[in-house]
Amino acid sequence: MAVRTHRRDLASVGQFGWDGGLGTTAYADPAEGLIGILLTQTAMDSVDTPRLHRDFWTAAYQTIGD
């Protein structure tokens, strides 16, 4: 489990979740009312997995209106 303590990218402080070793990513961002879960079977040793995670979270945060 991870809890974001400072803003580094799209996620708000207080976002919490987990990146699993086989490509799973699941986080909740209470400040934005956002929950996202991506389940894959691509090990984190692949260069495509981090890119997929970044693209998934970018798309998820883009759906939030200001």
C-alpha atoms as a PDB file:
ATOM      1  CA  MET A   1       0.000   0.000   0.000  1.00  0.00           C
ATOM      2  CA  ALA A   2       1.252   3.488  -0.835  1.00  0.00           C
ATOM      3  CA  VAL A   3      -0.032   6.893   0.231  1.00  0.00           C
ATOM      4  CA  ARG A   4       0.966   9.999  -1.709  1.00  0.00           C
ATOM      5  CA  THR A   5       2.398  12.629   0.646  1.00  0.00           C
ATOM      6  CA  HIS A   6       3.309  15.239  -1.985  1.00  0.00           C
ATOM      7  CA  ARG A   7       2.044  16.174  -5.425  1.00  0.00           C
ATOM      8  CA  ARG A   8       4.333  14.950  -8.199  1.00  0.00           C
ATOM      9  CA  ASP A   9       2.028  14.442 -11.169  1.00  0.00           C
ATOM     10  CA  LEU A  10      -1.732  14.236 -11.721  1.00  0.00           C
ATOM     11  CA  ALA A  11      -2.618  12.573  -8.414  1.00  0.00           C
ATOM     12  CA  SER A  12      -3.609  14.522  -5.318  1.00  0.00           C
ATOM     13  CA  VAL A  13      -1.941  14.327  -1.930  1.00  0.00           C
ATOM     14  CA  GLY A  14      -3.728  11.533  -0.061  1.00  0.00           C
ATOM     15  CA  GLN A  15      -4.096   9.237  -3.061  1.00  0.00           C
ATOM     16  CA  PHE A  16      -3.548   5.648  -1.943  1.00  0.00           C
ATOM     17  CA  GLY A  17      -3.174   2.276  -3.618  1.00  0.00           C
ATOM     18  CA  TRP A  18      -0.786  -0.282  -4.999  1.00  0.00           C
ATOM     19  CA  ASP A  19       1.200  -1.269  -8.082  1.00  0.00           C
ATOM     20  CA  GLY A  20       1.559  -5.043  -8.239  1.00  0.00           C
ATOM     21  CA  GLY A  21       4.440  -7.018  -9.690  1.00  0.00           C
ATOM     22  CA  LEU A  22       2.338  -8.546 -12.486  1.00  0.00           C
ATOM     23  CA  GLY A  23       1.029  -5.276 -13.876  1.00  0.00           C
ATOM     24  CA  THR A  24      -1.881  -4.540 -11.552  1.00  0.00           C
ATOM     25  CA  THR A  25      -2.423  -0.948 -10.484  1.00  0.00           C
ATOM     26  CA  ALA A  26      -5.203   0.142  -8.160  1.00  0.00           C
ATOM     27  CA  TYR A  27      -5.506   3.571  -6.539  1.00  0.00           C
ATOM     28  CA  ALA A  28      -8.134   5.790  -4.982  1.00  0.00           C
ATOM     29  CA  ASP A  29      -7.890   9.580  -4.986  1.00  0.00           C
ATOM     30  CA  PRO A  30     -10.377  10.851  -2.369  1.00  0.00           C
ATOM     31  CA  ALA A  31      -9.780  14.513  -3.268  1.00  0.00           C
ATOM     32  CA  GLU A  32     -10.900  13.864  -6.854  1.00  0.00           C
ATOM     33  CA  GLY A  33     -13.494  11.168  -6.086  1.00  0.00           C
ATOM     34  CA  LEU A  34     -11.603   8.817  -8.405  1.00  0.00           C
ATOM     35  CA  ILE A  35     -10.995   5.083  -8.110  1.00  0.00           C
ATOM     36  CA  GLY A  36      -9.092   3.237 -10.824  1.00  0.00           C
ATOM     37  CA  ILE A  37      -8.140  -0.400 -11.207  1.00  0.00           C
ATOM     38  CA  LEU A  38      -6.153  -1.853 -14.084  1.00  0.00           C
ATOM     39  CA  LEU A  39      -5.546  -5.606 -14.123  1.00  0.00           C
ATOM     40  CA  THR A  40      -2.951  -7.011 -16.508  1.00  0.00           C
ATOM     41  CA  GLN A  41      -0.680 -10.029 -16.695  1.00  0.00           C
ATOM     42  CA  THR A  42       2.391  -8.133 -17.857  1.00  0.00           C
ATOM     43  CA  ALA A  43       5.290  -8.306 -15.417  1.00  0.00           C
ATOM     44  CA  MET A  44       6.762  -5.035 -14.198  1.00  0.00           C
ATOM     45  CA  ASP A  45      10.069  -5.992 -15.823  1.00  0.00           C
ATOM     46  CA  SER A  46       8.610  -5.077 -19.215  1.00  0.00           C
ATOM     47  CA  VAL A  47       9.199  -1.546 -20.528  1.00  0.00           C
ATOM     48  CA  ASP A  48       5.583  -1.475 -21.721  1.00  0.00           C
ATOM     49  CA  THR A  49       4.028  -1.930 -18.266  1.00  0.00           C
ATOM     50  CA  PRO A  50       5.055   1.437 -16.762  1.00  0.00           C
ATOM     51  CA  ARG A  51       4.011   3.130 -20.005  1.00  0.00           C
ATOM     52  CA  LEU A  52       0.627   1.386 -19.856  1.00  0.00           C
ATOM     53  CA  HIS A  53       0.150   2.497 -16.230  1.00  0.00           C
ATOM     54  CA  ARG A  54       1.036   6.104 -17.101  1.00  0.00           C
ATOM     55  CA  ASP A  55      -1.362   6.111 -20.058  1.00  0.00           C
ATOM     56  CA  PHE A  56      -4.143   4.539 -17.963  1.00  0.00           C
ATOM     57  CA  TRP A  57      -3.838   7.095 -15.155  1.00  0.00           C
ATOM     58  CA  THR A  58      -3.482  10.008 -17.570  1.00  0.00           C
ATOM     59  CA  ALA A  59      -6.724   8.954 -19.289  1.00  0.00           C
ATOM     60  CA  ALA A  60      -8.472   8.453 -15.943  1.00  0.00           C
ATOM     61  CA  TYR A  61      -7.542  11.921 -14.676  1.00  0.00           C
ATOM     62  CA  GLN A  62      -8.476  13.523 -18.008  1.00  0.00           C
ATOM     63  CA  THR A  63     -12.056  12.384 -17.461  1.00  0.00           C
ATOM     64  CA  ILE A  64     -12.349  14.641 -14.417  1.00  0.00           C
ATOM     65  CA  GLY A  65     -13.891  18.002 -15.264  1.00  0.00           C
ATOM     66  CA  ASP A  66     -12.640  21.164 -13.606  1.00  0.00           C
END
